[in-house]
Protein backbone atom coordinates (compact mmCIF):
# COMPACT_ATOMS: atom_id res chain seq x y z
CA MET A 1 55.23 89.49 97.36
CA ALA A 2 58.79 88.81 96.24
CA ASP A 3 61.43 87.38 98.54
CA LEU A 4 63.77 90.25 99.48
CA ARG A 5 66.22 88.11 101.45
CA ILE A 6 69.82 88.15 100.24
CA ASN A 7 72.92 86.11 100.84
CA LEU A 8 76.07 88.20 100.48
CA ALA A 9 79.07 85.86 100.70
CA GLY A 10 77.35 83.87 103.41
CA ILE A 11 75.90 86.85 105.28
CA GLN A 12 72.13 86.42 105.48
CA SER A 13 69.94 89.51 105.46
CA LEU A 14 66.17 90.03 105.56
CA ASN A 15 66.42 92.51 102.69
CA PRO A 16 69.17 94.12 100.58
CA PHE A 17 69.02 97.46 102.40
CA TRP A 18 71.87 98.07 104.85
CA LEU A 19 73.02 101.22 106.55
CA ALA A 20 76.58 102.06 105.59
CA SER A 21 79.33 102.58 108.10
CA ALA A 22 78.82 106.24 108.98
CA PRO A 23 77.17 108.55 111.56
CA PRO A 24 73.82 106.65 111.37
CA THR A 25 75.52 103.51 112.74
CA ASN A 26 77.53 105.19 115.47
CA SER A 27 75.77 103.49 118.41
CA GLY A 28 73.61 100.59 119.46
CA TYR A 29 70.70 102.96 120.03
CA GLN A 30 70.80 104.10 116.41
CA VAL A 31 71.29 100.65 114.87
CA GLN A 32 68.43 99.22 116.92
CA ARG A 33 66.16 102.08 115.81
CA ALA A 34 67.15 101.33 112.23
CA PHE A 35 66.33 97.64 112.57
CA GLU A 36 62.96 98.51 114.07
CA ALA A 37 62.32 100.72 111.03
CA GLY A 38 62.99 97.81 108.66
CA TRP A 39 66.65 97.93 107.61
CA GLY A 40 68.01 94.46 106.90
CA GLY A 41 71.52 95.15 108.13
CA ALA A 42 73.98 97.73 109.34
CA VAL A 43 77.70 98.22 108.95
CA TRP A 44 78.80 99.59 112.32
CA LYS A 45 80.70 102.89 112.26
CA THR A 46 84.35 102.08 111.73
CA LEU A 47 86.10 100.65 114.79
CA GLY A 48 89.74 101.15 115.67
CA ASP A 49 91.73 103.19 118.11
CA PRO A 50 89.33 105.99 119.14
CA ILE A 51 90.14 109.34 117.58
CA LEU A 52 89.29 113.00 118.20
CA ASN A 53 86.88 114.63 115.77
CA VAL A 54 86.59 118.32 114.94
CA SER A 55 83.72 120.81 114.83
CA SER A 56 82.24 121.62 112.38
CA ARG A 57 82.48 118.57 110.14
CA PHE A 58 79.64 118.35 107.58
CA ALA A 59 78.72 120.36 104.51
CA ALA A 60 76.20 119.90 101.71
CA VAL A 61 75.96 120.91 98.08
CA SER A 62 72.48 121.90 96.91
CA PHE A 63 71.64 122.20 93.22
CA ASN A 64 68.70 123.77 91.42
CA GLY A 65 66.54 123.72 94.51
CA GLN A 66 67.45 120.19 95.60
CA ARG A 67 68.80 120.10 99.11
CA VAL A 68 71.76 117.80 99.77
CA ALA A 69 72.44 116.85 96.16
CA GLY A 70 75.90 116.10 97.48
CA PHE A 71 77.26 115.69 101.00
CA ASN A 72 80.76 116.34 102.29
CA ASN A 73 82.24 115.35 105.62
CA ILE A 74 85.54 115.57 107.47
CA GLU A 75 84.44 113.24 110.26
CA LEU A 76 86.65 110.27 111.09
CA ILE A 77 86.05 106.81 112.53
CA THR A 78 84.42 106.17 115.90
CA ASP A 79 85.43 108.47 118.72
CA ARG A 80 84.01 106.08 121.33
CA PRO A 81 86.05 103.42 123.16
CA LEU A 82 86.24 100.04 121.45
CA GLU A 83 84.92 98.31 124.57
CA VAL A 84 81.75 100.42 124.51
CA ASN A 85 81.12 99.68 120.83
CA LEU A 86 81.69 95.96 121.32
CA GLN A 87 79.24 95.81 124.22
CA GLU A 88 76.59 97.61 122.16
CA ILE A 89 77.18 95.32 119.17
CA TYR A 90 76.72 92.30 121.43
CA GLU A 91 73.50 93.69 122.91
CA THR A 92 72.12 94.68 119.49
CA LYS A 93 72.83 91.27 117.98
CA LYS A 94 71.13 89.53 120.91
CA LYS A 95 68.06 91.72 120.46
CA PHE A 96 67.99 91.41 116.65
CA PRO A 97 69.46 87.97 115.84
CA ASN A 98 68.02 87.90 112.32
CA HIS A 99 69.52 91.21 111.24
CA ALA A 100 72.99 91.49 109.72
CA ILE A 101 75.59 93.36 111.74
CA ILE A 102 78.89 93.99 110.01
CA ALA A 103 81.86 95.49 111.83
CA SER A 104 83.80 98.08 109.84
CA LEU A 105 87.46 98.00 110.84
CA MET A 106 90.49 100.22 110.38
CA VAL A 107 93.88 99.82 112.01
CA GLU A 108 97.49 100.38 111.09
CA PRO A 109 98.78 98.12 108.31
CA LYS A 110 100.33 95.64 110.74
CA GLN A 111 99.48 91.95 110.87
CA GLU A 112 99.22 91.76 114.66
CA LYS A 113 96.92 94.79 114.79
CA TRP A 114 94.50 93.20 112.34
CA HIS A 115 94.57 89.84 114.13
CA GLU A 116 93.84 91.49 117.45
CA ILE A 117 90.86 93.57 116.37
CA VAL A 118 89.36 90.75 114.28
CA LYS A 119 89.33 88.42 117.28
CA ARG A 120 87.78 91.03 119.55
CA VAL A 121 84.92 91.98 117.23
CA GLU A 122 84.11 88.43 116.21
CA ASP A 123 83.84 87.43 119.86
CA VAL A 124 80.75 89.66 120.24
CA GLY A 125 78.83 87.95 117.44
CA VAL A 126 79.14 90.05 114.27
CA ASP A 127 78.00 88.48 111.02
CA GLY A 128 80.91 89.78 109.00
CA LEU A 129 83.76 92.25 108.73
CA GLU A 130 84.24 95.20 106.39
CA LEU A 131 87.78 96.50 105.97
CA ASN A 132 87.78 100.27 105.56
CA PHE A 133 90.40 100.93 102.89
CA GLY A 134 88.62 104.03 101.69
CA CYS A 135 88.46 106.95 104.15
CA PRO A 136 90.12 109.79 102.19
CA HIS A 137 90.78 112.22 105.03
CA GLY A 138 92.26 112.22 108.53
CA MET A 139 93.03 108.53 108.62
CA ALA A 140 94.79 108.58 105.25
CA GLU A 141 97.24 111.10 106.68
CA ARG A 142 98.05 108.45 109.28
CA GLY A 143 98.74 105.73 106.73
CA MET A 144 95.29 104.12 106.93
CA GLY A 145 92.08 104.36 104.91
CA SER A 146 92.66 105.36 101.29
CA ALA A 147 96.41 105.54 101.91
CA SER A 148 96.23 101.75 102.07
CA GLY A 149 93.34 101.41 99.63
CA GLN A 150 95.25 103.12 96.82
CA VAL A 151 98.07 100.58 96.96
CA PRO A 152 97.07 97.17 95.55
CA GLU A 153 99.87 95.38 97.38
CA LEU A 154 98.66 96.72 100.73
CA VAL A 155 95.06 95.83 99.93
CA GLU A 156 96.04 92.26 99.11
CA LYS A 157 98.38 91.88 102.08
CA GLN A 158 95.99 93.29 104.69
CA THR A 159 93.08 91.29 103.34
CA TYR A 160 95.22 88.17 103.64
CA TRP A 161 96.14 89.07 107.23
CA VAL A 162 92.47 89.46 108.15
CA LYS A 163 91.55 86.19 106.48
CA GLU A 164 94.22 84.46 108.55
CA ALA A 165 92.28 85.29 111.71
CA ALA A 166 88.67 85.73 110.55
CA ARG A 167 85.92 83.17 111.05
CA THR A 168 83.22 85.35 109.46
CA PRO A 169 83.01 86.66 105.85
CA VAL A 170 85.37 89.51 104.99
CA ILE A 171 84.20 92.43 102.83
CA VAL A 172 86.83 94.84 101.50
CA LYS A 173 85.61 98.43 101.09
CA LEU A 174 87.34 100.15 98.17
CA THR A 175 88.27 103.77 97.63
CA PRO A 176 87.15 105.55 94.43
CA ASN A 177 90.16 107.87 94.70
CA ILE A 178 92.17 105.79 92.27
CA THR A 179 92.57 105.59 88.50
CA ASP A 180 91.14 102.08 88.08
CA ILE A 181 89.16 100.53 90.94
CA THR A 182 89.32 97.08 89.33
CA VAL A 183 93.04 96.93 90.15
CA THR A 184 92.39 97.10 93.89
CA ALA A 185 89.30 94.93 93.55
CA GLU A 186 91.47 92.25 91.97
CA ALA A 187 94.00 92.70 94.77
CA ALA A 188 91.32 92.20 97.41
CA THR A 189 90.14 89.08 95.62
CA ARG A 190 93.68 87.70 95.50
CA GLY A 191 93.98 88.40 99.22
CA GLY A 192 90.97 86.17 99.86
CA ALA A 193 88.15 88.69 100.24
CA ASP A 194 84.72 87.07 100.38
CA ALA A 195 83.11 90.23 98.97
CA ILE A 196 83.90 93.82 98.11
CA SER A 197 81.96 97.01 98.78
CA MET A 198 82.14 100.30 96.90
CA ILE A 199 82.39 103.15 96.77
CA ASN A 200 83.77 104.94 99.77
CA THR A 201 83.71 108.73 99.65
CA ILE A 202 85.43 110.88 97.02
CA ASN A 203 88.05 113.52 97.80
CA SER A 204 86.26 116.85 97.83
CA LEU A 205 85.88 120.41 99.02
CA ALA A 206 82.22 121.41 99.34
CA GLY A 207 82.77 125.10 98.69
CA VAL A 208 84.14 128.47 99.72
CA ASP A 209 82.14 131.15 101.55
CA LEU A 210 82.38 134.24 99.33
CA ASP A 211 81.81 136.60 102.24
CA THR A 212 84.36 135.22 104.71
CA TRP A 213 86.60 133.31 102.25
CA ASN A 214 86.50 130.37 104.62
CA THR A 215 86.17 126.85 103.29
CA VAL A 216 82.89 125.01 103.83
CA PRO A 217 83.00 123.53 106.40
CA HIS A 218 85.77 125.23 108.33
CA VAL A 219 87.34 124.68 111.74
CA ALA A 220 88.36 127.99 113.30
CA GLY A 221 88.99 129.44 109.86
CA LYS A 222 90.84 126.48 108.39
CA GLY A 223 89.56 123.69 106.18
CA ALA A 224 90.63 120.34 104.79
CA HIS A 225 89.55 118.02 102.03
CA GLY A 226 86.74 115.66 102.98
CA GLY A 227 84.74 112.74 101.64
CA TYR A 228 81.96 113.39 99.10
CA CYS A 229 78.84 111.24 98.89
CA GLY A 230 75.11 111.56 98.25
CA PRO A 231 73.05 111.52 95.01
CA ALA A 232 75.73 113.42 93.07
CA VAL A 233 78.16 110.48 93.24
CA LYS A 234 75.72 107.78 92.11
CA PRO A 235 76.86 107.66 88.44
CA ILE A 236 80.49 107.30 89.54
CA ALA A 237 79.63 104.54 91.99
CA LEU A 238 77.40 102.71 89.52
CA ASN A 239 80.16 102.67 86.91
CA MET A 240 82.69 101.28 89.38
CA VAL A 241 80.31 98.56 90.52
CA ALA A 242 79.67 97.64 86.88
CA GLU A 243 83.37 97.55 86.01
CA CYS A 244 84.07 95.17 88.88
CA ALA A 245 80.98 93.04 88.21
CA ARG A 246 82.06 92.37 84.61
CA ASN A 247 85.69 91.69 85.51
CA PRO A 248 86.30 87.93 85.56
CA LEU A 249 89.14 88.36 88.05
CA VAL A 250 86.77 89.97 90.57
CA ASN A 251 84.62 86.92 91.11
CA VAL A 252 83.16 87.86 94.50
CA PRO A 253 79.83 89.44 95.50
CA ILE A 254 79.52 93.23 95.64
CA SER A 255 77.86 95.48 98.19
CA GLY A 256 76.92 98.65 96.31
CA ILE A 257 77.35 102.09 97.91
CA GLY A 258 77.13 105.63 96.59
CA GLY A 259 74.17 107.98 96.28
CA ILE A 260 71.44 105.39 96.76
CA SER A 261 68.36 107.38 97.78
CA ASN A 262 65.36 105.24 96.78
CA TRP A 263 64.35 101.81 95.56
CA GLN A 264 65.01 102.72 91.94
CA ASP A 265 68.64 103.52 92.73
CA ALA A 266 68.95 100.24 94.62
CA ALA A 267 67.48 98.30 91.70
CA GLU A 268 69.99 99.88 89.32
CA PHE A 269 72.91 98.85 91.51
CA ILE A 270 71.55 95.32 91.82
CA LEU A 271 71.04 95.07 88.07
CA MET A 272 74.64 96.16 87.59
CA GLY A 273 75.96 93.39 89.83
CA ALA A 274 75.47 94.38 93.49
CA THR A 275 73.94 91.71 95.70
CA GLY A 276 72.86 94.33 98.24
CA VAL A 277 73.22 98.05 98.85
CA GLN A 278 74.35 100.35 101.63
CA VAL A 279 72.78 103.74 102.34
CA CYS A 280 74.05 106.71 104.35
CA THR A 281 73.27 110.21 103.05
CA ALA A 282 69.61 109.52 102.33
CA ALA A 283 69.09 108.26 105.88
CA MET A 284 70.85 111.34 107.27
CA HIS A 285 68.64 113.56 105.13
CA HIS A 286 65.28 111.87 105.70
CA GLY A 287 65.61 109.50 108.66
CA PHE A 288 65.50 105.73 109.01
CA SER A 289 61.85 105.45 107.87
CA ILE A 290 62.84 105.90 104.20
CA VAL A 291 63.53 102.17 104.13
CA GLU A 292 59.77 101.51 104.18
CA ASP A 293 59.35 103.06 100.72
CA MET A 294 62.48 101.27 99.52
CA ILE A 295 61.11 97.89 100.59
CA ASP A 296 57.64 98.52 99.16
CA GLY A 297 58.97 99.91 95.90
CA LEU A 298 61.41 97.07 95.29
CA ASN A 299 58.75 94.51 96.15
CA ASN A 300 56.31 96.01 93.65
CA TYR A 301 59.01 96.26 90.99
CA LEU A 302 59.96 92.59 91.35
CA ASP A 303 56.29 91.62 91.19
CA ASP A 304 55.84 93.67 88.02
CA LYS A 305 58.85 91.93 86.47
CA GLY A 306 57.59 88.50 87.50
CA LEU A 307 60.64 87.79 89.67
CA ALA A 308 60.18 85.70 92.80
CA SER A 309 63.35 86.86 94.53
CA VAL A 310 65.57 89.92 94.55
CA MET A 311 68.51 87.54 94.04
CA ASP A 312 67.04 86.86 90.58
CA LEU A 313 67.70 90.50 89.70
CA VAL A 314 71.40 90.50 90.60
CA GLY A 315 73.63 91.28 87.63
CA ARG A 316 70.94 91.11 84.93
CA SER A 317 72.35 94.21 83.19
CA VAL A 318 76.05 93.40 83.50
CA SER A 319 76.24 91.71 80.08
CA ARG A 320 74.85 94.90 78.53
CA TYR A 321 77.73 96.99 79.88
CA SER A 322 80.65 96.94 77.48
CA ASN A 323 83.53 98.95 76.04
CA TRP A 324 83.06 101.82 73.59
CA GLY A 325 84.86 99.85 70.90
CA ASP A 326 82.20 97.15 71.05
CA LEU A 327 79.26 99.48 70.35
CA ASP A 328 77.42 99.35 67.01
CA LEU A 329 78.52 102.33 64.90
CA ASN A 330 75.56 101.84 62.54
CA TYR A 331 72.79 101.88 65.14
CA LYS A 332 70.48 104.79 64.35
CA ILE A 333 68.31 106.79 66.76
CA VAL A 334 66.79 110.24 66.15
CA ALA A 335 64.77 112.84 68.02
CA GLU A 336 61.07 113.23 67.33
CA ILE A 337 59.14 116.28 68.60
CA ASN A 338 55.45 116.07 69.53
CA ASN A 339 54.18 119.58 68.85
CA ASP A 340 50.86 118.79 70.56
CA VAL A 341 52.77 118.52 73.83
CA CYS A 342 55.55 121.03 73.16
CA ILE A 343 55.22 124.36 75.01
CA ASN A 344 57.54 126.21 72.61
CA CYS A 345 60.12 127.12 75.20
CA ASN A 346 62.66 126.43 72.43
CA LYS A 347 65.26 125.05 74.84
CA CYS A 348 65.79 122.10 72.50
CA HIS A 349 66.37 124.40 69.52
CA ILE A 350 68.80 126.60 71.44
CA ALA A 351 70.74 123.62 72.79
CA CYS A 352 70.94 121.96 69.37
CA GLU A 353 71.76 125.18 67.51
CA ASP A 354 74.45 126.39 69.94
CA THR A 355 76.04 123.21 71.21
CA SER A 356 75.06 120.26 69.06
CA HIS A 357 74.28 119.58 65.37
CA GLN A 358 71.88 122.34 64.23
CA CYS A 359 69.17 119.91 63.14
CA ILE A 360 66.03 121.38 64.78
CA ASP A 361 64.14 123.87 62.60
CA LEU A 362 61.73 126.56 63.75
CA TYR A 363 58.78 127.28 61.46
CA THR A 364 55.24 128.62 61.55
CA GLU A 365 52.09 126.86 60.38
CA ASN A 366 48.72 128.63 60.44
CA GLY A 367 50.24 131.23 62.73
CA ARG A 368 51.43 128.60 65.21
CA PRO A 369 55.16 128.22 66.02
CA LEU A 370 56.36 124.65 65.52
CA LEU A 371 59.60 122.65 65.78
CA LYS A 372 60.80 119.87 63.51
CA VAL A 373 63.87 117.65 63.52
CA ARG A 374 65.75 117.12 60.26
CA GLU A 375 66.36 113.43 60.73
CA GLU A 376 69.07 113.21 58.08
CA ASP A 377 71.22 115.55 60.20
CA CYS A 378 70.26 114.24 63.64
CA VAL A 379 72.98 112.13 65.27
CA GLY A 380 70.81 110.92 68.15
CA CYS A 381 72.88 112.62 70.84
CA ASN A 382 69.84 112.91 73.21
CA LEU A 383 70.65 116.51 74.20
CA CYS A 384 67.29 117.95 73.11
CA SER A 385 65.34 115.37 75.11
CA ILE A 386 67.58 115.96 78.13
CA VAL A 387 67.02 119.73 78.25
CA CYS A 388 63.31 119.55 77.41
CA PRO A 389 61.23 120.39 80.52
CA VAL A 390 58.07 118.58 79.35
CA ASP A 391 57.68 114.81 79.54
CA GLY A 392 56.58 113.36 76.22
CA ALA A 393 57.44 116.39 74.12
CA ILE A 394 60.58 114.80 72.66
CA SER A 395 61.14 111.09 72.09
CA MET A 396 64.23 109.32 70.90
CA VAL A 397 63.12 106.76 68.32
CA GLU A 398 65.01 104.00 66.56
CA ARG A 399 65.36 104.06 62.78
CA LYS A 400 66.24 100.99 60.76
CA SER A 401 69.79 101.16 59.51
CA THR A 402 70.52 100.56 55.83
CA VAL A 403 73.86 98.90 56.68
CA PRO A 404 74.63 95.91 58.92
CA PRO A 405 75.88 96.36 62.49
CA MET A 406 79.59 97.05 62.89
CA THR A 407 81.63 98.03 65.91
CA TRP A 408 84.78 100.13 65.94
CA ASN A 409 86.85 97.07 66.82
CA GLU A 410 85.30 95.10 63.95
CA ARG A 411 85.93 98.02 61.61
CA GLN A 412 89.60 98.20 62.58
CA THR A 413 89.97 94.46 62.12
CA LEU A 414 88.39 94.71 58.67
CA ILE A 415 90.62 97.62 57.65
CA SER A 416 93.68 95.74 58.86
CA SER A 417 92.75 92.63 56.90
CA LEU A 418 92.13 94.60 53.70
CA SER A 419 95.47 96.35 53.96
CA LYS A 420 97.42 93.11 53.96
């Protein structure tokens, strides 16, 4: 079996699967249960001055029969005294010395506040620190969380303050509620961050009850924006991880977060540059035992690929992620329909006829309805294969191009040179 151990900026972990800072890591009891189930690490629910939470605080978005396709929350950081959390961290680390315990921290953007909390949490034996610059609600209104995380200067300055006092590796958790996450990732790197983690939750409103007109969730008839996570945010998170992984100015390890629900999701994040991953919503939906399938699945995948260690997988797809202007304009791919598998639902024809390039023809042969793609008109958009409900009925196949490869950037350069 492959070696699943990781080293994230000096933090050793038995496997790449950590619980993210969230309700599942609210107490020593929960974190210890998670470690017993097989999780390699846990980022403790964010510590700071205890706050008051509201009721109710969670909501979910279901889609096409899938429960919890997205998850929204208006819960804040820990509402338990710092002393209690520190005692439980100490006890948990003593009981599970080989598991990674990371303390998530959030305080006011003041140097002395950061120095104080860093010293206190490191004294109980944590393996690292994660700076929560991402919470989009409640704390942001108090000048913390994403209010700091959206300002590169504050990210850099606060990271520097923490590094002044820290003896353990410092991970900076970034907010996605920003135009370009690489700007704050660069700021964290300049501030001395040993690693970055992303993404924190996305500003959101889960819905509105059409009977009562209340927001979902609501607190005594009033609502507020919350943080969105779960499977629905995975493509957003994966893109942000990839953008940071390919940025030469962000030359630190990445802890990937955002919609990771199974080993396949984890493998995608690792391929796109994450050294390890953090999970929250999936654990809240299915319980801590889901990590067993994640471990088994990733092990089998690495074996199938002939890789001895999960660290050998890190970043293998980063070089394949580029800018649109660097894509080959002359690459040719077309749809091909297998009428022996097709069930004649005609969803591909309708989608192509109404919203794409009108290149799928309906015809009858020996009284049997059939579908055929006119390859000369097919642009390879993939829409027909996406809407098709039957695996194997539509394939996207490569066709040899009659012209050499050329990107948009190369084309513009050529046009410019010819015009001189």
